């Protein structure tokens, strides 16, 4: 079994757009937003593995 890797994700509240925003230099292509922190978390749980596979960082059968 492979050891789990921790990826740093930056999240912040954009007061002008009134949304939560998340980006990461460690997850290529990650840039998303949501109206609530809970919705942002849900999006990230789906997007991060997909982006890691698409960028060849993880195998599809991780």
PDB file of N, CA and C in Angstrom:
ATOM      1  N   UNK A   1       0.849  -1.185   0.000  1.00  0.00           N
ATOM      2  CA  UNK A   1       0.000   0.000   0.000  1.00  0.00           C
ATOM      3  C   UNK A   1       0.891   1.243   0.000  1.00  0.00           C
ATOM      4  N   UNK A   2       0.556   2.181  -0.852  1.00  0.00           N
ATOM      5  CA  UNK A   2       1.337   3.418  -0.943  1.00  0.00           C
ATOM      6  C   UNK A   2       0.993   4.361   0.201  1.00  0.00           C
ATOM      7  N   UNK A   3       2.000   5.136   0.589  1.00  0.00           N
ATOM      8  CA  UNK A   3       1.797   6.129   1.644  1.00  0.00           C
ATOM      9  C   UNK A   3       0.972   7.299   1.108  1.00  0.00           C
ATOM     10  N   UNK A   4       0.088   7.832   1.914  1.00  0.00           N
ATOM     11  CA  UNK A   4      -0.748   8.968   1.514  1.00  0.00           C
ATOM     12  C   UNK A   4       0.120  10.214   1.349  1.00  0.00           C
ATOM     13  N   UNK A   5      -0.215  11.021   0.355  1.00  0.00           N
ATOM     14  CA  UNK A   5       0.493  12.280   0.122  1.00  0.00           C
ATOM     15  C   UNK A   5      -0.448  13.423   0.476  1.00  0.00           C
ATOM     16  N   UNK A   6       0.102  14.450   1.066  1.00  0.00           N
ATOM     17  CA  UNK A   6      -0.673  15.632   1.418  1.00  0.00           C
ATOM     18  C   UNK A   6      -0.409  16.711   0.379  1.00  0.00           C
ATOM     19  N   UNK A   7      -1.475  17.276  -0.176  1.00  0.00           N
ATOM     20  CA  UNK A   7      -1.380  18.357  -1.146  1.00  0.00           C
ATOM     21  C   UNK A   7      -1.874  19.639  -0.491  1.00  0.00           C
ATOM     22  N   UNK A   8      -1.125  20.708  -0.671  1.00  0.00           N
ATOM     23  CA  UNK A   8      -1.519  22.001  -0.112  1.00  0.00           C
ATOM     24  C   UNK A   8      -2.496  22.699  -1.044  1.00  0.00           C
ATOM     25  N   UNK A   9      -3.625  23.068  -0.496  1.00  0.00           N
ATOM     26  CA  UNK A   9      -4.668  23.775  -1.230  1.00  0.00           C
ATOM     27  C   UNK A   9      -4.885  25.111  -0.518  1.00  0.00           C
ATOM     28  N   UNK A  10      -4.896  26.187  -1.292  1.00  0.00           N
ATOM     29  CA  UNK A  10      -5.146  27.498  -0.713  1.00  0.00           C
ATOM     30  C   UNK A  10      -6.617  27.846  -0.933  1.00  0.00           C
ATOM     31  N   UNK A  11      -7.292  28.166   0.131  1.00  0.00           N
ATOM     32  CA  UNK A  11      -8.690  28.565   0.052  1.00  0.00           C
ATOM     33  C   UNK A  11      -8.880  29.922   0.704  1.00  0.00           C
ATOM     34  N   UNK A  12      -9.733  30.728   0.104  1.00  0.00           N
ATOM     35  CA  UNK A  12      -9.994  32.044   0.687  1.00  0.00           C
ATOM     36  C   UNK A  12     -11.363  32.552   0.247  1.00  0.00           C
ATOM     37  N   UNK A  13     -11.888  33.471   1.012  1.00  0.00           N
ATOM     38  CA  UNK A  13     -13.168  34.104   0.709  1.00  0.00           C
ATOM     39  C   UNK A  13     -12.902  35.327  -0.155  1.00  0.00           C
ATOM     40  N   UNK A  14     -13.482  35.369  -1.340  1.00  0.00           N
ATOM     41  CA  UNK A  14     -13.364  36.512  -2.245  1.00  0.00           C
ATOM     42  C   UNK A  14     -14.536  37.437  -1.936  1.00  0.00           C
ATOM     43  N   UNK A  15     -14.270  38.517  -1.236  1.00  0.00           N
ATOM     44  CA  UNK A  15     -15.346  39.409  -0.800  1.00  0.00           C
ATOM     45  C   UNK A  15     -16.031  40.106  -1.967  1.00  0.00           C
ATOM     46  N   UNK A  16     -15.275  40.387  -3.018  1.00  0.00           N
ATOM     47  CA  UNK A  16     -15.867  41.066  -4.176  1.00  0.00           C
ATOM     48  C   UNK A  16     -16.837  40.146  -4.919  1.00  0.00           C
ATOM     49  N   UNK A  17     -16.426  38.911  -5.151  1.00  0.00           N
ATOM     50  CA  UNK A  17     -17.280  37.958  -5.872  1.00  0.00           C
ATOM     51  C   UNK A  17     -18.239  37.229  -4.938  1.00  0.00           C
ATOM     52  N   UNK A  18     -17.979  37.310  -3.629  1.00  0.00           N
ATOM     53  CA  UNK A  18     -18.775  36.635  -2.604  1.00  0.00           C
ATOM     54  C   UNK A  18     -18.834  35.128  -2.809  1.00  0.00           C
ATOM     55  N   UNK A  19     -17.642  34.539  -3.008  1.00  0.00           N
ATOM     56  CA  UNK A  19     -17.505  33.090  -3.160  1.00  0.00           C
ATOM     57  C   UNK A  19     -16.221  32.633  -2.476  1.00  0.00           C
ATOM     58  N   UNK A  20     -16.186  31.361  -2.125  1.00  0.00           N
ATOM     59  CA  UNK A  20     -14.975  30.720  -1.648  1.00  0.00           C
ATOM     60  C   UNK A  20     -14.189  30.277  -2.872  1.00  0.00           C
ATOM     61  N   UNK A  21     -12.884  30.488  -2.850  1.00  0.00           N
ATOM     62  CA  UNK A  21     -12.009  30.156  -3.975  1.00  0.00           C
ATOM     63  C   UNK A  21     -10.932  29.193  -3.480  1.00  0.00           C
ATOM     64  N   UNK A  22     -10.569  28.217  -4.329  1.00  0.00           N
ATOM     65  CA  UNK A  22      -9.489  27.292  -3.993  1.00  0.00           C
ATOM     66  C   UNK A  22      -8.556  27.148  -5.187  1.00  0.00           C
ATOM     67  N   UNK A  23      -7.254  27.176  -4.910  1.00  0.00           N
ATOM     68  CA  UNK A  23      -6.227  26.961  -5.917  1.00  0.00           C
ATOM     69  C   UNK A  23      -5.104  26.152  -5.283  1.00  0.00           C
ATOM     70  N   UNK A  24      -4.205  25.644  -6.138  1.00  0.00           N
ATOM     71  CA  UNK A  24      -3.056  24.914  -5.616  1.00  0.00           C
ATOM     72  C   UNK A  24      -1.963  24.860  -6.668  1.00  0.00           C
ATOM     73  N   UNK A  25      -0.743  25.121  -6.253  1.00  0.00           N
ATOM     74  CA  UNK A  25       0.406  24.951  -7.135  1.00  0.00           C
ATOM     75  C   UNK A  25       0.778  23.481  -7.250  1.00  0.00           C
ATOM     76  N   UNK A  26       0.349  22.672  -6.304  1.00  0.00           N
ATOM     77  CA  UNK A  26       0.688  21.251  -6.285  1.00  0.00           C
ATOM     78  C   UNK A  26      -0.295  20.402  -7.081  1.00  0.00           C
ATOM     79  N   UNK A  27      -1.457  20.943  -7.400  1.00  0.00           N
ATOM     80  CA  UNK A  27      -2.465  20.230  -8.192  1.00  0.00           C
ATOM     81  C   UNK A  27      -2.682  21.049  -9.462  1.00  0.00           C
ATOM     82  N   UNK A  28      -1.952  20.732 -10.530  1.00  0.00           N
ATOM     83  CA  UNK A  28      -2.051  21.515 -11.767  1.00  0.00           C
ATOM     84  C   UNK A  28      -3.485  21.626 -12.274  1.00  0.00           C
ATOM     85  N   UNK A  29      -3.881  22.846 -12.588  1.00  0.00           N
ATOM     86  CA  UNK A  29      -5.210  23.084 -13.137  1.00  0.00           C
ATOM     87  C   UNK A  29      -6.285  23.346 -12.107  1.00  0.00           C
ATOM     88  N   UNK A  30      -5.954  23.249 -10.828  1.00  0.00           N
ATOM     89  CA  UNK A  30      -6.975  23.454  -9.798  1.00  0.00           C
ATOM     90  C   UNK A  30      -7.241  24.938  -9.585  1.00  0.00           C
ATOM     91  N   UNK A  31      -8.433  25.328  -9.906  1.00  0.00           N
ATOM     92  CA  UNK A  31      -8.945  26.672  -9.649  1.00  0.00           C
ATOM     93  C   UNK A  31     -10.454  26.559  -9.694  1.00  0.00           C
ATOM     94  N   UNK A  32     -11.084  26.720  -8.552  1.00  0.00           N
ATOM     95  CA  UNK A  32     -12.528  26.565  -8.498  1.00  0.00           C
ATOM     96  C   UNK A  32     -13.103  27.479  -7.431  1.00  0.00           C
ATOM     97  N   UNK A  33     -14.404  27.626  -7.470  1.00  0.00           N
ATOM     98  CA  UNK A  33     -15.080  28.477  -6.487  1.00  0.00           C
ATOM     99  C   UNK A  33     -16.444  27.886  -6.164  1.00  0.00           C
ATOM    100  N   UNK A  34     -16.977  28.302  -5.016  1.00  0.00           N
ATOM    101  CA  UNK A  34     -18.299  27.852  -4.590  1.00  0.00           C
ATOM    102  C   UNK A  34     -18.879  28.874  -3.614  1.00  0.00           C
ATOM    103  N   UNK A  35     -20.188  28.842  -3.473  1.00  0.00           N
ATOM    104  CA  UNK A  35     -20.872  29.816  -2.626  1.00  0.00           C
ATOM    105  C   UNK A  35     -20.724  29.536  -1.132  1.00  0.00           C
ATOM    106  N   UNK A  36     -20.478  28.284  -0.774  1.00  0.00           N
ATOM    107  CA  UNK A  36     -20.269  27.946   0.639  1.00  0.00           C
ATOM    108  C   UNK A  36     -19.004  27.109   0.774  1.00  0.00           C
ATOM    109  N   UNK A  37     -18.443  27.083   1.967  1.00  0.00           N
ATOM    110  CA  UNK A  37     -17.260  26.283   2.227  1.00  0.00           C
ATOM    111  C   UNK A  37     -17.573  24.795   2.066  1.00  0.00           C
ATOM    112  N   UNK A  38     -18.758  24.393   2.465  1.00  0.00           N
ATOM    113  CA  UNK A  38     -19.174  22.993   2.308  1.00  0.00           C
ATOM    114  C   UNK A  38     -19.230  22.601   0.833  1.00  0.00           C
ATOM    115  N   UNK A  39     -19.797  23.466  -0.004  1.00  0.00           N
ATOM    116  CA  UNK A  39     -19.865  23.178  -1.439  1.00  0.00           C
ATOM    117  C   UNK A  39     -18.476  23.155  -2.059  1.00  0.00           C
ATOM    118  N   UNK A  40     -17.596  24.034  -1.594  1.00  0.00           N
ATOM    119  CA  UNK A  40     -16.218  24.046  -2.092  1.00  0.00           C
ATOM    120  C   UNK A  40     -15.530  22.732  -1.734  1.00  0.00           C
ATOM    121  N   UNK A  41     -15.695  22.284  -0.517  1.00  0.00           N
ATOM    122  CA  UNK A  41     -15.113  21.022  -0.072  1.00  0.00           C
ATOM    123  C   UNK A  41     -15.611  19.861  -0.927  1.00  0.00           C
ATOM    124  N   UNK A  42     -16.905  19.827  -1.209  1.00  0.00           N
ATOM    125  CA  UNK A  42     -17.476  18.768  -2.050  1.00  0.00           C
ATOM    126  C   UNK A  42     -16.850  18.785  -3.442  1.00  0.00           C
ATOM    127  N   UNK A  43     -16.702  19.968  -4.022  1.00  0.00           N
ATOM    128  CA  UNK A  43     -16.091  20.094  -5.346  1.00  0.00           C
ATOM    129  C   UNK A  43     -14.644  19.618  -5.326  1.00  0.00           C
ATOM    130  N   UNK A  44     -13.912  19.994  -4.284  1.00  0.00           N
ATOM    131  CA  UNK A  44     -12.503  19.621  -4.197  1.00  0.00           C
ATOM    132  C   UNK A  44     -12.320  18.113  -4.069  1.00  0.00           C
ATOM    133  N   UNK A  45     -13.193  17.464  -3.324  1.00  0.00           N
ATOM    134  CA  UNK A  45     -13.100  16.008  -3.160  1.00  0.00           C
ATOM    135  C   UNK A  45     -13.255  15.288  -4.499  1.00  0.00           C
ATOM    136  N   UNK A  46     -13.976  15.865  -5.413  1.00  0.00           N
ATOM    137  CA  UNK A  46     -14.165  15.277  -6.732  1.00  0.00           C
ATOM    138  C   UNK A  46     -13.076  15.726  -7.709  1.00  0.00           C
ATOM    139  N   UNK A  47     -12.753  17.008  -7.697  1.00  0.00           N
ATOM    140  CA  UNK A  47     -11.826  17.566  -8.677  1.00  0.00           C
ATOM    141  C   UNK A  47     -10.371  17.153  -8.474  1.00  0.00           C
ATOM    142  N   UNK A  48      -9.909  17.141  -7.240  1.00  0.00           N
ATOM    143  CA  UNK A  48      -8.493  16.887  -6.991  1.00  0.00           C
ATOM    144  C   UNK A  48      -8.046  15.522  -7.519  1.00  0.00           C
ATOM    145  N   UNK A  49      -8.722  14.429  -7.179  1.00  0.00           N
ATOM    146  CA  UNK A  49      -8.283  13.136  -7.739  1.00  0.00           C
ATOM    147  C   UNK A  49      -8.335  13.119  -9.269  1.00  0.00           C
ATOM    148  N   UNK A  50      -9.373  13.709  -9.858  1.00  0.00           N
ATOM    149  CA  UNK A  50      -9.482  13.741 -11.315  1.00  0.00           C
ATOM    150  C   UNK A  50      -8.303  14.493 -11.934  1.00  0.00           C
ATOM    151  N   UNK A  51      -7.952  15.644 -11.372  1.00  0.00           N
ATOM    152  CA  UNK A  51      -6.835  16.422 -11.895  1.00  0.00           C
ATOM    153  C   UNK A  51      -5.503  15.704 -11.710  1.00  0.00           C
ATOM    154  N   UNK A  52      -5.329  15.028 -10.590  1.00  0.00           N
ATOM    155  CA  UNK A  52      -4.090  14.294 -10.348  1.00  0.00           C
ATOM    156  C   UNK A  52      -3.925  13.157 -11.357  1.00  0.00           C
ATOM    157  N   UNK A  53      -4.999  12.487 -11.692  1.00  0.00           N
ATOM    158  CA  UNK A  53      -4.953  11.422 -12.701  1.00  0.00           C
ATOM    159  C   UNK A  53      -4.690  12.030 -14.080  1.00  0.00           C
ATOM    160  N   UNK A  54      -5.425  13.069 -14.444  1.00  0.00           N
ATOM    161  CA  UNK A  54      -5.254  13.700 -15.753  1.00  0.00           C
ATOM    162  C   UNK A  54      -3.837  14.235 -15.959  1.00  0.00           C
ATOM    163  N   UNK A  55      -3.190  14.688 -14.889  1.00  0.00           N
ATOM    164  CA  UNK A  55      -1.832  15.224 -14.978  1.00  0.00           C
ATOM    165  C   UNK A  55      -0.754  14.154 -14.787  1.00  0.00           C
ATOM    166  N   UNK A  56      -1.161  12.894 -14.683  1.00  0.00           N
ATOM    167  CA  UNK A  56      -0.203  11.801 -14.560  1.00  0.00           C
ATOM    168  C   UNK A  56       0.478  11.706 -13.219  1.00  0.00           C
ATOM    169  N   UNK A  57      -0.078  12.359 -12.216  1.00  0.00           N
ATOM    170  CA  UNK A  57       0.505  12.321 -10.870  1.00  0.00           C
ATOM    171  C   UNK A  57       0.050  11.067 -10.130  1.00  0.00           C
ATOM    172  N   UNK A  58      -1.177  10.651 -10.392  1.00  0.00           N
ATOM    173  CA  UNK A  58      -1.732   9.410  -9.835  1.00  0.00           C
ATOM    174  C   UNK A  58      -2.125   8.488 -10.966  1.00  0.00           C
ATOM    175  N   UNK A  59      -2.046   7.183 -10.693  1.00  0.00           N
ATOM    176  CA  UNK A  59      -2.556   6.187 -11.634  1.00  0.00           C
ATOM    177  C   UNK A  59      -4.080   6.192 -11.542  1.00  0.00           C
ATOM    178  N   UNK A  60      -4.745   5.786 -12.625  1.00  0.00           N
ATOM    179  CA  UNK A  60      -6.212   5.770 -12.610  1.00  0.00           C
ATOM    180  C   UNK A  60      -6.789   4.855 -11.537  1.00  0.00           C
ATOM    181  N   UNK A  61      -6.063   3.814 -11.179  1.00  0.00           N
ATOM    182  CA  UNK A  61      -6.562   2.854 -10.182  1.00  0.00           C
ATOM    183  C   UNK A  61      -6.024   3.140  -8.781  1.00  0.00           C
ATOM    184  N   UNK A  62      -5.718   4.412  -8.527  1.00  0.00           N
ATOM    185  CA  UNK A  62      -5.116   4.758  -7.240  1.00  0.00           C
ATOM    186  C   UNK A  62      -5.921   4.210  -6.110  1.00  0.00           C
TER     187      UNK A  62
END
